[in-house]
Amino acid sequence: MPFLAAVRYGRMNATEKFIAKSNDLRTGDEVIIRTERGIEFGYIAGAVTTHEPEAVKGRNDILRRATEDDSKIQEHITSVKEPSEMSYCTEQIQAFELPMKLTAVEHLFGGDKIIFYFLADGRVDFRQLVKTLAKQYRTRIEMRQIGVRDEARLLADYEHCGRELCCRTFMQTLEPVTMRMAKLQKTTLDPNKISGHCGRLMCCLRFEDEIYAELKKSVPQKGVFVRTKEHEGEVIDYNLLKQTCLLETSEGERVTIRVEEITARLGKRSNKDQREDTEDNPSQGSEHDSGA
């Protein structure tokens, strides 16, 4: 039975399943792994046994538990090699006058590749830069253009909530986040309060979007007239989480009702005649409401 372990690795903190030769690894253990990129250094993020080897994406293997020497090599890479490579590449970018901003450098543990992450407004012809870097370091060079969300993933640490950035801890893909999600959750629309380190809307707005969208299905829209056993009025506000509506009756009274108390949805009415038509033909009001 193959043993699969979740391993976190790389500057982007990718977390994937890897095949292990034994089941004696524990969360937090440092390991040497083989990925499609080469030999890398990683950490056990979790483990699970399975009978499905095909669950592993690509050729991901845990070669061994990292030794003390391995840890020292990795520390030397992050504290000495990568800063030096960052400095040299930045100098060359300036020398070639390239319109790009170097963000981070990732030197693979096995020396198979050095990846330079950069920001740029458009396409950049960095062929001469790559030749210079390859000549200097005598290994494969990859220039990877990223966006501002990836930059935050590489460089930022903690968010407004006090927790480490979601994109650095568990998120594997950066899905679009829209202002519609913020409006649906009735959060503040102040960009300074709902934007992350990247300057874009915070990813956590997406996490609860599905449940908010589901809750909204049972709540009538604003402007719809509804009837309960005790009240009839226009919906002027609602609370999705509490599943309640604020009604304004024809007498101007405002009452809060639960969604399950609604016995009829009379549709949106703009004048007395429309109201009378709707009451005479309840199906018409129902059709209008569902189509809104």
C-alpha atoms as a PDB file:
ATOM      1  CA  MET A   1       0.000   0.000   0.000  1.00  0.00           C
ATOM      2  CA  PRO A   2       1.597   3.287  -1.054  1.00  0.00           C
ATOM      3  CA  PHE A   3       1.980   5.992   1.540  1.00  0.00           C
ATOM      4  CA  LEU A   4       1.141   9.543   0.518  1.00  0.00           C
ATOM      5  CA  ALA A   5       2.291  12.592   2.407  1.00  0.00           C
ATOM      6  CA  ALA A   6       1.329  16.231   1.860  1.00  0.00           C
ATOM      7  CA  VAL A   7       4.513  18.244   1.384  1.00  0.00           C
ATOM      8  CA  ARG A   8       4.907  22.007   1.303  1.00  0.00           C
ATOM      9  CA  TYR A   9       7.805  23.291  -0.771  1.00  0.00           C
ATOM     10  CA  GLY A  10       9.124  26.138  -2.917  1.00  0.00           C
ATOM     11  CA  ARG A  11       8.890  29.912  -2.654  1.00  0.00           C
ATOM     12  CA  MET A  12       5.222  29.754  -3.615  1.00  0.00           C
ATOM     13  CA  ASN A  13       4.564  27.358  -0.716  1.00  0.00           C
ATOM     14  CA  ALA A  14       2.966  24.777  -2.963  1.00  0.00           C
ATOM     15  CA  THR A  15       1.406  21.831  -1.119  1.00  0.00           C
ATOM     16  CA  GLU A  16       1.066  18.567  -3.024  1.00  0.00           C
ATOM     17  CA  LYS A  17       0.894  14.843  -2.370  1.00  0.00           C
ATOM     18  CA  PHE A  18       4.140  12.888  -2.583  1.00  0.00           C
ATOM     19  CA  ILE A  19       4.870   9.175  -2.536  1.00  0.00           C
ATOM     20  CA  ALA A  20       6.862   8.110   0.530  1.00  0.00           C
ATOM     21  CA  LYS A  21       8.797   4.878   0.970  1.00  0.00           C
ATOM     22  CA  SER A  22       7.728   4.501   4.601  1.00  0.00           C
ATOM     23  CA  ASN A  23       5.078   5.754   6.975  1.00  0.00           C
ATOM     24  CA  ASP A  24       7.363   7.018   9.740  1.00  0.00           C
ATOM     25  CA  LEU A  25       7.278  10.666   8.636  1.00  0.00           C
ATOM     26  CA  ARG A  26       5.497  13.175  10.829  1.00  0.00           C
ATOM     27  CA  THR A  27       4.076  16.650  10.278  1.00  0.00           C
ATOM     28  CA  GLY A  28       6.873  19.218  10.378  1.00  0.00           C
ATOM     29  CA  ASP A  29       9.623  16.814   9.304  1.00  0.00           C
ATOM     30  CA  GLU A  30      12.079  18.252   6.783  1.00  0.00           C
ATOM     31  CA  VAL A  31      12.417  16.106   3.652  1.00  0.00           C
ATOM     32  CA  ILE A  32      14.267  15.994   0.359  1.00  0.00           C
ATOM     33  CA  ILE A  33      11.845  15.547  -2.520  1.00  0.00           C
ATOM     34  CA  ARG A  34      11.873  15.097  -6.287  1.00  0.00           C
ATOM     35  CA  THR A  35       9.453  17.189  -8.303  1.00  0.00           C
ATOM     36  CA  GLU A  36       9.092  17.940 -11.992  1.00  0.00           C
ATOM     37  CA  ARG A  37      11.430  20.893 -11.384  1.00  0.00           C
ATOM     38  CA  GLY A  38      14.220  18.857  -9.774  1.00  0.00           C
ATOM     39  CA  ILE A  39      15.491  17.985  -6.296  1.00  0.00           C
ATOM     40  CA  GLU A  40      13.963  20.242  -3.650  1.00  0.00           C
ATOM     41  CA  PHE A  41      13.706  20.813   0.086  1.00  0.00           C
ATOM     42  CA  GLY A  42      10.306  20.597   1.758  1.00  0.00           C
ATOM     43  CA  TYR A  43       8.300  20.047   4.922  1.00  0.00           C
ATOM     44  CA  ILE A  44       5.701  17.412   5.756  1.00  0.00           C
ATOM     45  CA  ALA A  45       2.382  19.250   6.035  1.00  0.00           C
ATOM     46  CA  GLY A  46       0.237  16.172   6.605  1.00  0.00           C
ATOM     47  CA  ALA A  47       0.030  12.504   5.744  1.00  0.00           C
ATOM     48  CA  VAL A  48      -2.600  10.059   4.476  1.00  0.00           C
ATOM     49  CA  THR A  49      -2.507   6.470   3.292  1.00  0.00           C
ATOM     50  CA  THR A  50      -4.299   5.477   0.128  1.00  0.00           C
ATOM     51  CA  HIS A  51      -4.621   2.636  -2.365  1.00  0.00           C
ATOM     52  CA  GLU A  52      -4.664   5.051  -5.284  1.00  0.00           C
ATOM     53  CA  PRO A  53      -1.141   5.844  -6.548  1.00  0.00           C
ATOM     54  CA  GLU A  54      -2.729   7.763  -9.430  1.00  0.00           C
ATOM     55  CA  ALA A  55      -3.800  10.358  -6.850  1.00  0.00           C
ATOM     56  CA  VAL A  56      -0.258  11.713  -7.023  1.00  0.00           C
ATOM     57  CA  LYS A  57       0.160  14.376  -9.667  1.00  0.00           C
ATOM     58  CA  GLY A  58       3.247  13.917 -11.837  1.00  0.00           C
ATOM     59  CA  ARG A  59       6.445  12.326 -10.549  1.00  0.00           C
ATOM     60  CA  ASN A  60       6.453  13.460  -6.929  1.00  0.00           C
ATOM     61  CA  ASP A  61       8.624  11.374  -4.602  1.00  0.00           C
ATOM     62  CA  ILE A  62       9.955  11.826  -1.091  1.00  0.00           C
ATOM     63  CA  LEU A  63      13.574  10.689  -1.396  1.00  0.00           C
ATOM     64  CA  ARG A  64      14.455  10.797   2.293  1.00  0.00           C
ATOM     65  CA  ARG A  65      14.169  12.646   5.553  1.00  0.00           C
ATOM     66  CA  ALA A  66      16.487  15.651   5.500  1.00  0.00           C
ATOM     67  CA  THR A  67      19.733  15.267   7.444  1.00  0.00           C
ATOM     68  CA  GLU A  68      21.431  17.929   9.531  1.00  0.00           C
ATOM     69  CA  ASP A  69      23.778  18.618   6.603  1.00  0.00           C
ATOM     70  CA  ASP A  70      20.781  19.005   4.266  1.00  0.00           C
ATOM     71  CA  SER A  71      19.269  21.592   6.599  1.00  0.00           C
ATOM     72  CA  LYS A  72      22.563  23.508   6.698  1.00  0.00           C
ATOM     73  CA  ILE A  73      22.740  23.483   2.894  1.00  0.00           C
ATOM     74  CA  GLN A  74      19.184  24.809   2.651  1.00  0.00           C
ATOM     75  CA  GLU A  75      19.958  27.517   5.194  1.00  0.00           C
ATOM     76  CA  HIS A  76      23.020  28.524   3.149  1.00  0.00           C
ATOM     77  CA  ILE A  77      20.879  28.704   0.012  1.00  0.00           C
ATOM     78  CA  THR A  78      18.283  30.994   1.577  1.00  0.00           C
ATOM     79  CA  SER A  79      20.674  33.200   3.549  1.00  0.00           C
ATOM     80  CA  VAL A  80      23.629  33.458   1.154  1.00  0.00           C
ATOM     81  CA  LYS A  81      23.032  32.168  -2.358  1.00  0.00           C
ATOM     82  CA  GLU A  82      19.584  33.595  -3.069  1.00  0.00           C
ATOM     83  CA  PRO A  83      20.393  37.123  -1.773  1.00  0.00           C
ATOM     84  CA  SER A  84      23.578  37.107  -3.881  1.00  0.00           C
ATOM     85  CA  GLU A  85      21.682  35.935  -6.965  1.00  0.00           C
ATOM     86  CA  MET A  86      19.010  38.554  -6.308  1.00  0.00           C
ATOM     87  CA  SER A  87      21.625  41.286  -6.173  1.00  0.00           C
ATOM     88  CA  TYR A  88      23.467  40.145  -9.305  1.00  0.00           C
ATOM     89  CA  CYS A  89      20.300  39.778 -11.366  1.00  0.00           C
ATOM     90  CA  THR A  90      19.092  43.221 -10.278  1.00  0.00           C
ATOM     91  CA  GLU A  91      22.393  44.718 -11.444  1.00  0.00           C
ATOM     92  CA  GLN A  92      22.072  43.012 -14.823  1.00  0.00           C
ATOM     93  CA  ILE A  93      18.478  44.173 -15.238  1.00  0.00           C
ATOM     94  CA  GLN A  94      19.644  47.731 -14.713  1.00  0.00           C
ATOM     95  CA  ALA A  95      22.607  47.229 -17.048  1.00  0.00           C
ATOM     96  CA  PHE A  96      20.335  45.978 -19.838  1.00  0.00           C
ATOM     97  CA  GLU A  97      17.748  48.673 -18.972  1.00  0.00           C
ATOM     98  CA  LEU A  98      14.927  46.145 -18.899  1.00  0.00           C
ATOM     99  CA  PRO A  99      11.426  47.338 -17.842  1.00  0.00           C
ATOM    100  CA  MET A 100      10.992  44.778 -15.078  1.00  0.00           C
ATOM    101  CA  LYS A 101      11.141  44.583 -11.297  1.00  0.00           C
ATOM    102  CA  LEU A 102      12.829  41.568  -9.734  1.00  0.00           C
ATOM    103  CA  THR A 103      10.721  40.290  -6.837  1.00  0.00           C
ATOM    104  CA  ALA A 104      12.285  37.061  -5.582  1.00  0.00           C
ATOM    105  CA  VAL A 105      14.759  34.300  -6.374  1.00  0.00           C
ATOM    106  CA  GLU A 106      14.315  30.577  -5.815  1.00  0.00           C
ATOM    107  CA  HIS A 107      17.414  28.382  -5.908  1.00  0.00           C
ATOM    108  CA  LEU A 108      16.418  24.719  -5.975  1.00  0.00           C
ATOM    109  CA  PHE A 109      18.104  22.537  -3.359  1.00  0.00           C
ATOM    110  CA  GLY A 110      19.737  20.279  -5.946  1.00  0.00           C
ATOM    111  CA  GLY A 111      20.972  23.193  -8.041  1.00  0.00           C
ATOM    112  CA  ASP A 112      18.927  21.991 -11.032  1.00  0.00           C
ATOM    113  CA  LYS A 113      17.430  25.409 -11.640  1.00  0.00           C
ATOM    114  CA  ILE A 114      17.323  29.006 -10.437  1.00  0.00           C
ATOM    115  CA  ILE A 115      13.978  30.773 -10.823  1.00  0.00           C
ATOM    116  CA  PHE A 116      13.788  34.568 -10.945  1.00  0.00           C
ATOM    117  CA  TYR A 117      10.351  36.060 -10.260  1.00  0.00           C
ATOM    118  CA  PHE A 118       9.639  39.494 -11.681  1.00  0.00           C
ATOM    119  CA  LEU A 119       6.909  42.065 -12.276  1.00  0.00           C
ATOM    120  CA  ALA A 120       6.416  43.855 -15.586  1.00  0.00           C
ATOM    121  CA  ASP A 121       3.621  45.712 -17.329  1.00  0.00           C
ATOM    122  CA  GLY A 122       3.982  43.727 -20.551  1.00  0.00           C
ATOM    123  CA  ARG A 123       6.245  41.294 -22.370  1.00  0.00           C
ATOM    124  CA  VAL A 124       9.965  41.679 -21.745  1.00  0.00           C
ATOM    125  CA  ASP A 125      12.756  40.496 -24.021  1.00  0.00           C
ATOM    126  CA  PHE A 126      15.099  39.021 -21.407  1.00  0.00           C
ATOM    127  CA  ARG A 127      16.988  36.592 -23.662  1.00  0.00           C
ATOM    128  CA  GLN A 128      20.314  38.350 -23.191  1.00  0.00           C
ATOM    129  CA  LEU A 129      19.723  38.506 -19.454  1.00  0.00           C
ATOM    130  CA  VAL A 130      19.107  34.741 -19.310  1.00  0.00           C
ATOM    131  CA  LYS A 131      22.335  34.080 -21.234  1.00  0.00           C
ATOM    132  CA  THR A 132      24.275  36.242 -18.786  1.00  0.00           C
ATOM    133  CA  LEU A 133      22.742  34.510 -15.760  1.00  0.00           C
ATOM    134  CA  ALA A 134      23.298  31.027 -17.214  1.00  0.00           C
ATOM    135  CA  LYS A 135      26.940  31.867 -17.877  1.00  0.00           C
ATOM    136  CA  GLN A 136      27.366  33.165 -14.335  1.00  0.00           C
ATOM    137  CA  TYR A 137      25.680  30.265 -12.497  1.00  0.00           C
ATOM    138  CA  ARG A 138      26.052  27.406 -15.008  1.00  0.00           C
ATOM    139  CA  THR A 139      22.604  25.968 -14.439  1.00  0.00           C
ATOM    140  CA  ARG A 140      19.133  26.283 -15.927  1.00  0.00           C
ATOM    141  CA  ILE A 141      17.595  29.728 -15.574  1.00  0.00           C
ATOM    142  CA  GLU A 142      13.870  30.403 -15.516  1.00  0.00           C
ATOM    143  CA  MET A 143      12.398  33.904 -15.647  1.00  0.00           C
ATOM    144  CA  ARG A 144       8.832  33.821 -14.339  1.00  0.00           C
ATOM    145  CA  GLN A 145       6.594  36.850 -14.735  1.00  0.00           C
ATOM    146  CA  ILE A 146       4.082  37.191 -11.914  1.00  0.00           C
ATOM    147  CA  GLY A 147       1.256  39.522 -10.892  1.00  0.00           C
ATOM    148  CA  VAL A 148       0.747  41.578  -7.745  1.00  0.00           C
ATOM    149  CA  ARG A 149      -1.149  38.734  -6.041  1.00  0.00           C
ATOM    150  CA  ASP A 150       1.787  36.392  -6.570  1.00  0.00           C
ATOM    151  CA  GLU A 151       4.144  39.101  -5.294  1.00  0.00           C
ATOM    152  CA  ALA A 152       2.203  39.260  -2.037  1.00  0.00           C
ATOM    153  CA  ARG A 153       2.272  35.474  -1.880  1.00  0.00           C
ATOM    154  CA  LEU A 154       6.056  35.580  -2.136  1.00  0.00           C
ATOM    155  CA  LEU A 155       6.859  38.500   0.135  1.00  0.00           C
ATOM    156  CA  ALA A 156       4.008  39.313   2.525  1.00  0.00           C
ATOM    157  CA  ASP A 157       3.405  37.704   5.892  1.00  0.00           C
ATOM    158  CA  TYR A 158       0.283  38.538   7.942  1.00  0.00           C
ATOM    159  CA  GLU A 159      -3.108  39.960   7.008  1.00  0.00           C
ATOM    160  CA  HIS A 160      -5.566  42.266   8.787  1.00  0.00           C
ATOM    161  CA  CYS A 161      -6.990  39.304  10.688  1.00  0.00           C
ATOM    162  CA  GLY A 162      -3.632  38.594  12.320  1.00  0.00           C
ATOM    163  CA  ARG A 163      -3.175  35.273  10.545  1.00  0.00           C
ATOM    164  CA  GLU A 164      -0.608  34.383   7.906  1.00  0.00           C
ATOM    165  CA  LEU A 165      -1.773  35.051   4.358  1.00  0.00           C
ATOM    166  CA  CYS A 166      -4.107  32.344   3.052  1.00  0.00           C
ATOM    167  CA  CYS A 167      -2.201  32.268  -0.240  1.00  0.00           C
ATOM    168  CA  ARG A 168       0.974  31.406   1.681  1.00  0.00           C
ATOM    169  CA  THR A 169      -0.543  28.708   3.862  1.00  0.00           C
ATOM    170  CA  PHE A 170      -3.102  26.579   2.028  1.00  0.00           C
ATOM    171  CA  MET A 171      -4.387  28.168  -1.193  1.00  0.00           C
ATOM    172  CA  GLN A 172      -3.037  26.488  -4.320  1.00  0.00           C
ATOM    173  CA  THR A 173      -4.773  28.612  -6.964  1.00  0.00           C
ATOM    174  CA  LEU A 174      -5.613  32.309  -6.888  1.00  0.00           C
ATOM    175  CA  GLU A 175      -9.211  32.530  -8.068  1.00  0.00           C
ATOM    176  CA  PRO A 176     -10.838  35.855  -9.051  1.00  0.00           C
ATOM    177  CA  VAL A 177     -12.533  37.841  -6.259  1.00  0.00           C
ATOM    178  CA  THR A 178     -15.229  40.335  -7.250  1.00  0.00           C
ATOM    179  CA  MET A 179     -16.890  43.338  -5.642  1.00  0.00           C
ATOM    180  CA  ARG A 180     -20.189  41.471  -6.012  1.00  0.00           C
ATOM    181  CA  MET A 181     -18.959  39.053  -3.336  1.00  0.00           C
ATOM    182  CA  ALA A 182     -18.250  41.930  -0.946  1.00  0.00           C
ATOM    183  CA  LYS A 183     -21.672  43.461  -1.593  1.00  0.00           C
ATOM    184  CA  LEU A 184     -23.448  40.138  -1.110  1.00  0.00           C
ATOM    185  CA  GLN A 185     -21.772  39.674   2.276  1.00  0.00           C
ATOM    186  CA  LYS A 186     -22.654  43.276   3.172  1.00  0.00           C
ATOM    187  CA  THR A 187     -19.094  43.973   4.205  1.00  0.00           C
ATOM    188  CA  THR A 188     -17.636  47.462   4.082  1.00  0.00           C
ATOM    189  CA  LEU A 189     -16.865  48.642   0.573  1.00  0.00           C
ATOM    190  CA  ASP A 190     -13.896  50.712   1.748  1.00  0.00           C
ATOM    191  CA  PRO A 191     -11.024  49.447  -0.474  1.00  0.00           C
ATOM    192  CA  ASN A 192      -8.527  49.981   2.340  1.00  0.00           C
ATOM    193  CA  LYS A 193     -10.401  47.532   4.559  1.00  0.00           C
ATOM    194  CA  ILE A 194     -11.235  44.777   2.079  1.00  0.00           C
ATOM    195  CA  SER A 195      -7.981  44.769   0.097  1.00  0.00           C
ATOM    196  CA  GLY A 196      -5.040  42.549   0.940  1.00  0.00           C
ATOM    197  CA  HIS A 197      -1.285  43.126   0.722  1.00  0.00           C
ATOM    198  CA  CYS A 198      -1.534  42.733  -3.048  1.00  0.00           C
ATOM    199  CA  GLY A 199      -3.926  45.688  -3.318  1.00  0.00           C
ATOM    200  CA  ARG A 200      -6.674  43.410  -4.661  1.00  0.00           C
ATOM    201  CA  LEU A 201      -9.819  42.241  -2.887  1.00  0.00           C
ATOM    202  CA  MET A 202      -8.997  39.777  -0.101  1.00  0.00           C
ATOM    203  CA  CYS A 203      -9.251  36.124  -1.081  1.00  0.00           C
ATOM    204  CA  CYS A 204     -11.262  35.283   2.052  1.00  0.00           C
ATOM    205  CA  LEU A 205     -14.256  37.073   0.505  1.00  0.00           C
ATOM    206  CA  ARG A 206     -14.475  34.136  -1.875  1.00  0.00           C
ATOM    207  CA  PHE A 207     -14.501  31.464   0.823  1.00  0.00           C
ATOM    208  CA  GLU A 208     -18.046  32.214   2.022  1.00  0.00           C
ATOM    209  CA  ASP A 209     -19.472  33.390  -1.287  1.00  0.00           C
ATOM    210  CA  GLU A 210     -21.113  30.054  -2.054  1.00  0.00           C
ATOM    211  CA  ILE A 211     -22.990  29.853   1.246  1.00  0.00           C
ATOM    212  CA  TYR A 212     -24.076  33.508   0.999  1.00  0.00           C
ATOM    213  CA  ALA A 213     -25.364  32.886  -2.526  1.00  0.00           C
ATOM    214  CA  GLU A 214     -27.285  29.847  -1.245  1.00  0.00           C
ATOM    215  CA  LEU A 215     -28.767  31.774   1.668  1.00  0.00           C
ATOM    216  CA  LYS A 216     -29.867  34.580  -0.641  1.00  0.00           C
ATOM    217  CA  LYS A 217     -32.063  32.200  -2.644  1.00  0.00           C
ATOM    218  CA  SER A 218     -34.570  31.946   0.198  1.00  0.00           C
ATOM    219  CA  VAL A 219     -34.699  35.674   0.976  1.00  0.00           C
ATOM    220  CA  PRO A 220     -36.986  37.982  -1.057  1.00  0.00           C
ATOM    221  CA  GLN A 221     -35.400  40.932  -2.795  1.00  0.00           C
ATOM    222  CA  LYS A 222     -35.774  44.479  -1.594  1.00  0.00           C
ATOM    223  CA  GLY A 223     -38.931  46.043  -2.982  1.00  0.00           C
ATOM    224  CA  VAL A 224     -40.883  42.783  -2.972  1.00  0.00           C
ATOM    225  CA  PHE A 225     -44.169  42.744  -1.054  1.00  0.00           C
ATOM    226  CA  VAL A 226     -44.694  39.732   1.179  1.00  0.00           C
ATOM    227  CA  ARG A 227     -47.401  38.494   3.519  1.00  0.00           C
ATOM    228  CA  THR A 228     -47.233  36.641   6.822  1.00  0.00           C
ATOM    229  CA  LYS A 229     -50.051  35.594   9.145  1.00  0.00           C
ATOM    230  CA  GLU A 230     -49.736  38.896  10.979  1.00  0.00           C
ATOM    231  CA  HIS A 231     -48.195  41.375   8.574  1.00  0.00           C
ATOM    232  CA  GLU A 232     -48.043  42.489   4.959  1.00  0.00           C
ATOM    233  CA  GLY A 233     -45.483  44.895   3.659  1.00  0.00           C
ATOM    234  CA  GLU A 234     -42.528  45.727   1.445  1.00  0.00           C
ATOM    235  CA  VAL A 235     -39.095  44.247   2.075  1.00  0.00           C
ATOM    236  CA  ILE A 236     -36.745  47.164   2.691  1.00  0.00           C
ATOM    237  CA  ASP A 237     -33.805  45.204   4.101  1.00  0.00           C
ATOM    238  CA  TYR A 238     -32.741  41.667   5.000  1.00  0.00           C
ATOM    239  CA  ASN A 239     -30.141  39.707   6.957  1.00  0.00           C
ATOM    240  CA  LEU A 240     -28.863  36.658   5.103  1.00  0.00           C
ATOM    241  CA  LEU A 241     -27.208  34.970   8.064  1.00  0.00           C
ATOM    242  CA  LYS A 242     -30.210  35.406  10.383  1.00  0.00           C
ATOM    243  CA  GLN A 243     -32.624  34.745   7.499  1.00  0.00           C
ATOM    244  CA  THR A 244     -34.800  37.696   8.479  1.00  0.00           C
ATOM    245  CA  CYS A 245     -36.441  40.559   6.577  1.00  0.00           C
ATOM    246  CA  LEU A 246     -37.336  44.078   7.595  1.00  0.00           C
ATOM    247  CA  LEU A 247     -40.827  44.974   6.344  1.00  0.00           C
ATOM    248  CA  GLU A 248     -42.507  48.337   6.009  1.00  0.00           C
ATOM    249  CA  THR A 249     -46.280  48.057   6.166  1.00  0.00           C
ATOM    250  CA  SER A 250     -48.770  50.362   4.442  1.00  0.00           C
ATOM    251  CA  GLU A 251     -49.196  52.159   7.792  1.00  0.00           C
ATOM    252  CA  GLY A 252     -45.480  52.946   7.861  1.00  0.00           C
ATOM    253  CA  GLU A 253     -44.715  50.462  10.628  1.00  0.00           C
ATOM    254  CA  ARG A 254     -41.432  48.549  10.395  1.00  0.00           C
ATOM    255  CA  VAL A 255     -41.316  44.965  11.605  1.00  0.00           C
ATOM    256  CA  THR A 256     -38.718  42.199  11.440  1.00  0.00           C
ATOM    257  CA  ILE A 257     -39.902  38.764  10.344  1.00  0.00           C
ATOM    258  CA  ARG A 258     -38.263  35.397   9.771  1.00  0.00           C
ATOM    259  CA  VAL A 259     -38.176  34.098   6.209  1.00  0.00           C
ATOM    260  CA  GLU A 260     -40.066  30.946   7.187  1.00  0.00           C
ATOM    261  CA  GLU A 261     -42.977  33.130   8.394  1.00  0.00           C
ATOM    262  CA  ILE A 262     -43.665  34.331   4.832  1.00  0.00           C
ATOM    263  CA  THR A 263     -46.885  32.794   3.481  1.00  0.00           C
ATOM    264  CA  ALA A 264     -46.972  34.640   0.141  1.00  0.00           C
ATOM    265  CA  ARG A 265     -44.653  36.679  -2.022  1.00  0.00           C
ATOM    266  CA  LEU A 266     -46.725  39.245  -3.846  1.00  0.00           C
ATOM    267  CA  GLY A 267     -44.078  40.619  -6.174  1.00  0.00           C
ATOM    268  CA  LYS A 268     -42.897  44.171  -6.692  1.00  0.00           C
ATOM    269  CA  ARG A 269     -45.669  46.778  -6.953  1.00  0.00           C
ATOM    270  CA  SER A 270     -45.271  50.351  -8.068  1.00  0.00           C
ATOM    271  CA  ASN A 271     -48.894  51.546  -7.704  1.00  0.00           C
ATOM    272  CA  LYS A 272     -52.301  50.644  -6.301  1.00  0.00           C
ATOM    273  CA  ASP A 273     -53.593  49.110  -9.532  1.00  0.00           C
ATOM    274  CA  GLN A 274     -50.588  46.795  -9.783  1.00  0.00           C
ATOM    275  CA  ARG A 275     -51.133  45.767  -6.174  1.00  0.00           C
ATOM    276  CA  GLU A 276     -54.765  44.912  -6.805  1.00  0.00           C
ATOM    277  CA  ASP A 277     -53.861  42.927  -9.934  1.00  0.00           C
ATOM    278  CA  THR A 278     -51.270  40.961  -8.006  1.00  0.00           C
ATOM    279  CA  GLU A 279     -53.650  40.130  -5.161  1.00  0.00           C
ATOM    280  CA  ASP A 280     -56.285  38.963  -7.641  1.00  0.00           C
ATOM    281  CA  ASN A 281     -53.712  36.764  -9.405  1.00  0.00           C
ATOM    282  CA  PRO A 282     -51.171  35.434  -6.887  1.00  0.00           C
ATOM    283  CA  SER A 283     -49.410  33.359  -9.565  1.00  0.00           C
ATOM    284  CA  GLN A 284     -48.591  36.541 -11.428  1.00  0.00           C
ATOM    285  CA  GLY A 285     -46.832  37.943  -8.383  1.00  0.00           C
ATOM    286  CA  SER A 286     -44.931  34.710  -7.859  1.00  0.00           C
ATOM    287  CA  GLU A 287     -43.764  34.685 -11.456  1.00  0.00           C
ATOM    288  CA  HIS A 288     -42.620  38.292 -11.221  1.00  0.00           C
ATOM    289  CA  ASP A 289     -40.656  37.575  -8.058  1.00  0.00           C
ATOM    290  CA  SER A 290     -38.838  34.547  -9.412  1.00  0.00           C
ATOM    291  CA  GLY A 291     -37.863  36.381 -12.536  1.00  0.00           C
ATOM    292  CA  ALA A 292     -36.413  39.384 -10.741  1.00  0.00           C
END
